[in-house]
């Protein structure tokens, strides 16, 4: 117990965790950022939706040969959300495949594919300017090489497995990795 408390204090001091009123570490630092939702003025701190939960993180683009994967990602969200899985999509133009406007990108996600999982406004997912979530992922795994790269993180924020674009959301290996963290 003392080691757990000491680890929580060290994480808080180092800025890698968010503490609750009891002083216990609740949210890893890579989630503790205000990120704007896709085509919205609203911001979300991912601690509110994902702290202590397994996460499927995907970099997305609305004009990509893999854009149809939104449907499968939504199916994963619906199938596993009650078991704790959080699906988060990060719109990105790192590979020059994103819509010209956020309104168009939102239309593709929400109207064309019925996305209800959290979608974050466009921003970089590779390189020195990567958003905090992808900076964390990229330090542990291969950065995205293309749109619709998928990363399964356990409840502690460790990348358990990474999947390239061509692996579809219904692929048995991706499903196995998701089920392993539930």
C-alpha atoms as a PDB file:
ATOM      1  CA  UNK A   1       0.000   0.000   0.000  1.00  0.00           C
ATOM      2  CA  UNK A   2       2.833   2.394   0.861  1.00  0.00           C
ATOM      3  CA  UNK A   3       4.470   1.721  -2.527  1.00  0.00           C
ATOM      4  CA  UNK A   4       1.177   2.498  -4.270  1.00  0.00           C
ATOM      5  CA  UNK A   5       0.805   5.809  -2.435  1.00  0.00           C
ATOM      6  CA  UNK A   6       4.442   6.705  -3.115  1.00  0.00           C
ATOM      7  CA  UNK A   7       4.000   5.887  -6.821  1.00  0.00           C
ATOM      8  CA  UNK A   8       0.892   8.071  -6.963  1.00  0.00           C
ATOM      9  CA  UNK A   9       2.687  10.985  -5.298  1.00  0.00           C
ATOM     10  CA  UNK A  10       5.670  10.650  -7.639  1.00  0.00           C
ATOM     11  CA  UNK A  11       3.367  10.550 -10.674  1.00  0.00           C
ATOM     12  CA  UNK A  12       1.561  13.682  -9.507  1.00  0.00           C
ATOM     13  CA  UNK A  13       4.809  15.541  -8.804  1.00  0.00           C
ATOM     14  CA  UNK A  14       6.178  14.481 -12.200  1.00  0.00           C
ATOM     15  CA  UNK A  15       3.002  15.740 -13.869  1.00  0.00           C
ATOM     16  CA  UNK A  16       2.107  12.349 -15.283  1.00  0.00           C
ATOM     17  CA  UNK A  17      -1.064  11.797 -13.318  1.00  0.00           C
ATOM     18  CA  UNK A  18      -4.134  13.623 -12.157  1.00  0.00           C
ATOM     19  CA  UNK A  19      -5.151  13.103  -8.520  1.00  0.00           C
ATOM     20  CA  UNK A  20      -8.575  12.827  -6.967  1.00  0.00           C
ATOM     21  CA  UNK A  21      -9.516  14.203  -3.553  1.00  0.00           C
ATOM     22  CA  UNK A  22      -7.995  11.155  -1.829  1.00  0.00           C
ATOM     23  CA  UNK A  23      -4.642  11.772  -3.539  1.00  0.00           C
ATOM     24  CA  UNK A  24      -4.797   8.528  -5.529  1.00  0.00           C
ATOM     25  CA  UNK A  25      -3.613   8.666  -9.121  1.00  0.00           C
ATOM     26  CA  UNK A  26      -6.645   8.486 -11.401  1.00  0.00           C
ATOM     27  CA  UNK A  27      -5.660   9.806 -14.788  1.00  0.00           C
ATOM     28  CA  UNK A  28      -2.406   9.443 -16.687  1.00  0.00           C
ATOM     29  CA  UNK A  29      -0.939  12.738 -17.848  1.00  0.00           C
ATOM     30  CA  UNK A  30      -1.288  11.940 -21.546  1.00  0.00           C
ATOM     31  CA  UNK A  31      -5.097  12.054 -21.155  1.00  0.00           C
ATOM     32  CA  UNK A  32      -5.190  15.105 -18.898  1.00  0.00           C
ATOM     33  CA  UNK A  33      -5.496  17.734 -21.639  1.00  0.00           C
ATOM     34  CA  UNK A  34      -8.356  19.827 -22.989  1.00  0.00           C
ATOM     35  CA  UNK A  35      -8.952  18.733 -26.584  1.00  0.00           C
ATOM     36  CA  UNK A  36     -11.577  20.219 -28.861  1.00  0.00           C
ATOM     37  CA  UNK A  37     -14.276  17.912 -30.167  1.00  0.00           C
ATOM     38  CA  UNK A  38     -14.715  17.583 -33.921  1.00  0.00           C
ATOM     39  CA  UNK A  39     -16.690  20.501 -35.421  1.00  0.00           C
ATOM     40  CA  UNK A  40     -17.546  21.911 -32.017  1.00  0.00           C
ATOM     41  CA  UNK A  41     -16.558  24.686 -29.664  1.00  0.00           C
ATOM     42  CA  UNK A  42     -16.759  22.146 -26.829  1.00  0.00           C
ATOM     43  CA  UNK A  43     -13.595  20.764 -25.313  1.00  0.00           C
ATOM     44  CA  UNK A  44     -13.175  17.468 -23.565  1.00  0.00           C
ATOM     45  CA  UNK A  45     -10.634  16.325 -21.040  1.00  0.00           C
ATOM     46  CA  UNK A  46     -10.145  12.674 -21.901  1.00  0.00           C
ATOM     47  CA  UNK A  47      -9.721  11.927 -18.201  1.00  0.00           C
ATOM     48  CA  UNK A  48     -13.489  12.347 -17.947  1.00  0.00           C
ATOM     49  CA  UNK A  49     -14.205   9.574 -20.439  1.00  0.00           C
ATOM     50  CA  UNK A  50     -11.173   7.297 -20.489  1.00  0.00           C
ATOM     51  CA  UNK A  51      -9.231   7.341 -17.201  1.00  0.00           C
ATOM     52  CA  UNK A  52      -8.785   3.815 -15.901  1.00  0.00           C
ATOM     53  CA  UNK A  53     -10.453   2.258 -18.951  1.00  0.00           C
ATOM     54  CA  UNK A  54      -9.142   0.330 -21.951  1.00  0.00           C
ATOM     55  CA  UNK A  55      -8.996   2.506 -25.057  1.00  0.00           C
ATOM     56  CA  UNK A  56      -9.020   1.975 -28.800  1.00  0.00           C
ATOM     57  CA  UNK A  57      -7.336   5.004 -30.394  1.00  0.00           C
ATOM     58  CA  UNK A  58      -7.578   5.593 -34.144  1.00  0.00           C
ATOM     59  CA  UNK A  59      -6.259   8.380 -36.366  1.00  0.00           C
ATOM     60  CA  UNK A  60      -8.900   9.123 -38.971  1.00  0.00           C
ATOM     61  CA  UNK A  61      -9.431  11.005 -42.218  1.00  0.00           C
ATOM     62  CA  UNK A  62     -12.620  11.630 -44.120  1.00  0.00           C
ATOM     63  CA  UNK A  63     -11.194  11.312 -47.667  1.00  0.00           C
ATOM     64  CA  UNK A  64      -9.245   8.086 -47.438  1.00  0.00           C
ATOM     65  CA  UNK A  65      -9.680   4.649 -48.926  1.00  0.00           C
ATOM     66  CA  UNK A  66     -10.172   3.372 -45.368  1.00  0.00           C
ATOM     67  CA  UNK A  67     -12.885   5.884 -44.395  1.00  0.00           C
ATOM     68  CA  UNK A  68     -15.492   3.110 -44.544  1.00  0.00           C
ATOM     69  CA  UNK A  69     -13.878   1.724 -41.377  1.00  0.00           C
ATOM     70  CA  UNK A  70     -15.866   4.298 -39.383  1.00  0.00           C
ATOM     71  CA  UNK A  71     -18.800   1.872 -39.604  1.00  0.00           C
ATOM     72  CA  UNK A  72     -16.784  -0.963 -38.052  1.00  0.00           C
ATOM     73  CA  UNK A  73     -15.294   1.309 -35.391  1.00  0.00           C
ATOM     74  CA  UNK A  74     -18.802   2.366 -34.397  1.00  0.00           C
ATOM     75  CA  UNK A  75     -19.794  -1.317 -34.225  1.00  0.00           C
ATOM     76  CA  UNK A  76     -16.846  -1.970 -31.867  1.00  0.00           C
ATOM     77  CA  UNK A  77     -17.897   1.008 -29.756  1.00  0.00           C
ATOM     78  CA  UNK A  78     -21.439  -0.315 -29.488  1.00  0.00           C
ATOM     79  CA  UNK A  79     -20.345  -3.903 -28.831  1.00  0.00           C
ATOM     80  CA  UNK A  80     -17.777  -3.190 -26.102  1.00  0.00           C
ATOM     81  CA  UNK A  81     -18.661   0.114 -24.433  1.00  0.00           C
ATOM     82  CA  UNK A  82     -20.676  -1.582 -21.666  1.00  0.00           C
ATOM     83  CA  UNK A  83     -17.573  -3.638 -20.886  1.00  0.00           C
ATOM     84  CA  UNK A  84     -15.577  -0.412 -20.490  1.00  0.00           C
ATOM     85  CA  UNK A  85     -13.917   0.081 -23.882  1.00  0.00           C
ATOM     86  CA  UNK A  86     -13.549   3.708 -24.944  1.00  0.00           C
ATOM     87  CA  UNK A  87     -13.111   4.384 -28.668  1.00  0.00           C
ATOM     88  CA  UNK A  88     -11.525   7.729 -29.551  1.00  0.00           C
ATOM     89  CA  UNK A  89     -10.985   8.972 -33.093  1.00  0.00           C
ATOM     90  CA  UNK A  90      -8.474  11.700 -33.852  1.00  0.00           C
ATOM     91  CA  UNK A  91      -9.122  13.493 -37.121  1.00  0.00           C
ATOM     92  CA  UNK A  92      -5.776  14.194 -38.730  1.00  0.00           C
ATOM     93  CA  UNK A  93      -4.452  15.714 -41.910  1.00  0.00           C
ATOM     94  CA  UNK A  94      -0.950  14.329 -41.465  1.00  0.00           C
ATOM     95  CA  UNK A  95      -1.422  12.324 -44.650  1.00  0.00           C
ATOM     96  CA  UNK A  96      -3.395  14.988 -46.572  1.00  0.00           C
ATOM     97  CA  UNK A  97      -6.616  12.991 -46.633  1.00  0.00           C
ATOM     98  CA  UNK A  98      -8.820  15.088 -44.318  1.00  0.00           C
ATOM     99  CA  UNK A  99     -11.769  17.111 -45.555  1.00  0.00           C
ATOM    100  CA  UNK A 100     -11.219  20.778 -46.348  1.00  0.00           C
ATOM    101  CA  UNK A 101     -13.501  21.837 -43.487  1.00  0.00           C
ATOM    102  CA  UNK A 102     -14.423  20.401 -40.111  1.00  0.00           C
ATOM    103  CA  UNK A 103     -18.073  20.631 -41.098  1.00  0.00           C
ATOM    104  CA  UNK A 104     -17.424  18.249 -43.975  1.00  0.00           C
ATOM    105  CA  UNK A 105     -15.347  15.908 -41.784  1.00  0.00           C
ATOM    106  CA  UNK A 106     -18.119  15.888 -39.170  1.00  0.00           C
ATOM    107  CA  UNK A 107     -20.702  15.118 -41.841  1.00  0.00           C
ATOM    108  CA  UNK A 108     -18.687  12.111 -42.980  1.00  0.00           C
ATOM    109  CA  UNK A 109     -18.366  10.816 -39.417  1.00  0.00           C
ATOM    110  CA  UNK A 110     -21.728  11.611 -37.922  1.00  0.00           C
ATOM    111  CA  UNK A 111     -24.136  11.610 -40.870  1.00  0.00           C
ATOM    112  CA  UNK A 112     -22.574   9.136 -43.276  1.00  0.00           C
ATOM    113  CA  UNK A 113     -21.422   6.584 -40.692  1.00  0.00           C
ATOM    114  CA  UNK A 114     -23.440   7.350 -37.542  1.00  0.00           C
ATOM    115  CA  UNK A 115     -20.381   7.763 -35.323  1.00  0.00           C
ATOM    116  CA  UNK A 116     -21.248   8.230 -31.647  1.00  0.00           C
ATOM    117  CA  UNK A 117     -17.803   7.620 -30.139  1.00  0.00           C
ATOM    118  CA  UNK A 118     -15.617  10.581 -29.200  1.00  0.00           C
ATOM    119  CA  UNK A 119     -14.065  12.350 -32.175  1.00  0.00           C
ATOM    120  CA  UNK A 120     -11.353  14.965 -31.649  1.00  0.00           C
ATOM    121  CA  UNK A 121     -10.833  17.969 -33.948  1.00  0.00           C
ATOM    122  CA  UNK A 122      -8.087  17.731 -36.569  1.00  0.00           C
ATOM    123  CA  UNK A 123      -4.537  17.905 -35.338  1.00  0.00           C
ATOM    124  CA  UNK A 124      -1.189  16.215 -35.850  1.00  0.00           C
ATOM    125  CA  UNK A 125      -0.652  12.596 -34.788  1.00  0.00           C
ATOM    126  CA  UNK A 126       2.958  12.242 -35.931  1.00  0.00           C
ATOM    127  CA  UNK A 127       6.201  14.080 -35.330  1.00  0.00           C
ATOM    128  CA  UNK A 128       7.117  16.670 -32.723  1.00  0.00           C
ATOM    129  CA  UNK A 129       3.710  18.380 -32.950  1.00  0.00           C
ATOM    130  CA  UNK A 130       1.663  15.222 -32.272  1.00  0.00           C
ATOM    131  CA  UNK A 131      -1.167  15.717 -29.790  1.00  0.00           C
ATOM    132  CA  UNK A 132      -0.433  14.438 -26.241  1.00  0.00           C
ATOM    133  CA  UNK A 133      -2.249  11.132 -26.752  1.00  0.00           C
ATOM    134  CA  UNK A 134      -0.339  10.286 -29.909  1.00  0.00           C
ATOM    135  CA  UNK A 135       2.950  11.539 -28.447  1.00  0.00           C
ATOM    136  CA  UNK A 136       2.382   8.976 -25.662  1.00  0.00           C
ATOM    137  CA  UNK A 137       1.447   6.225 -28.129  1.00  0.00           C
ATOM    138  CA  UNK A 138       4.308   7.042 -30.506  1.00  0.00           C
ATOM    139  CA  UNK A 139       6.815   6.759 -27.650  1.00  0.00           C
ATOM    140  CA  UNK A 140       5.649   3.178 -27.035  1.00  0.00           C
ATOM    141  CA  UNK A 141       4.858   1.998 -30.539  1.00  0.00           C
ATOM    142  CA  UNK A 142       5.219   2.706 -34.227  1.00  0.00           C
ATOM    143  CA  UNK A 143       3.713   6.115 -35.103  1.00  0.00           C
ATOM    144  CA  UNK A 144       0.905   6.000 -37.660  1.00  0.00           C
ATOM    145  CA  UNK A 145       2.137   5.479 -41.192  1.00  0.00           C
ATOM    146  CA  UNK A 146      -1.277   6.204 -42.656  1.00  0.00           C
ATOM    147  CA  UNK A 147      -4.853   6.959 -41.668  1.00  0.00           C
ATOM    148  CA  UNK A 148      -6.883   4.485 -39.607  1.00  0.00           C
ATOM    149  CA  UNK A 149      -3.944   3.091 -37.653  1.00  0.00           C
ATOM    150  CA  UNK A 150      -5.381   1.475 -34.544  1.00  0.00           C
ATOM    151  CA  UNK A 151      -3.897   1.256 -31.055  1.00  0.00           C
ATOM    152  CA  UNK A 152      -5.277  -0.833 -28.195  1.00  0.00           C
ATOM    153  CA  UNK A 153      -4.305   0.591 -24.793  1.00  0.00           C
ATOM    154  CA  UNK A 154      -4.900  -1.117 -21.475  1.00  0.00           C
ATOM    155  CA  UNK A 155      -6.496   0.639 -18.494  1.00  0.00           C
ATOM    156  CA  UNK A 156      -3.069   1.949 -17.408  1.00  0.00           C
ATOM    157  CA  UNK A 157      -2.406   3.558 -20.796  1.00  0.00           C
ATOM    158  CA  UNK A 158       0.094   1.025 -22.107  1.00  0.00           C
ATOM    159  CA  UNK A 159      -0.054   0.195 -25.805  1.00  0.00           C
ATOM    160  CA  UNK A 160      -0.910  -3.499 -25.899  1.00  0.00           C
ATOM    161  CA  UNK A 161      -1.010  -3.826 -29.647  1.00  0.00           C
ATOM    162  CA  UNK A 162      -0.908  -1.631 -32.764  1.00  0.00           C
ATOM    163  CA  UNK A 163      -2.607  -2.369 -36.063  1.00  0.00           C
ATOM    164  CA  UNK A 164      -1.984  -0.766 -39.461  1.00  0.00           C
ATOM    165  CA  UNK A 165      -4.665   0.795 -41.648  1.00  0.00           C
ATOM    166  CA  UNK A 166      -5.476  -2.306 -43.634  1.00  0.00           C
ATOM    167  CA  UNK A 167      -6.566  -4.200 -40.494  1.00  0.00           C
ATOM    168  CA  UNK A 168     -10.312  -3.757 -40.428  1.00  0.00           C
ATOM    169  CA  UNK A 169     -12.272  -3.205 -37.198  1.00  0.00           C
ATOM    170  CA  UNK A 170     -13.826  -6.682 -37.456  1.00  0.00           C
ATOM    171  CA  UNK A 171     -10.452  -8.424 -37.816  1.00  0.00           C
ATOM    172  CA  UNK A 172     -10.185 -11.304 -35.304  1.00  0.00           C
ATOM    173  CA  UNK A 173      -6.723 -10.179 -34.146  1.00  0.00           C
ATOM    174  CA  UNK A 174      -7.968  -6.678 -33.325  1.00  0.00           C
ATOM    175  CA  UNK A 175     -10.986  -8.103 -31.523  1.00  0.00           C
ATOM    176  CA  UNK A 176      -8.709 -10.488 -29.584  1.00  0.00           C
ATOM    177  CA  UNK A 177      -6.507  -7.550 -28.514  1.00  0.00           C
ATOM    178  CA  UNK A 178      -9.556  -5.537 -27.412  1.00  0.00           C
ATOM    179  CA  UNK A 179     -10.995  -8.453 -25.453  1.00  0.00           C
ATOM    180  CA  UNK A 180      -7.620  -8.990 -23.764  1.00  0.00           C
ATOM    181  CA  UNK A 181      -7.824  -5.558 -22.081  1.00  0.00           C
ATOM    182  CA  UNK A 182     -11.470  -5.687 -20.989  1.00  0.00           C
END
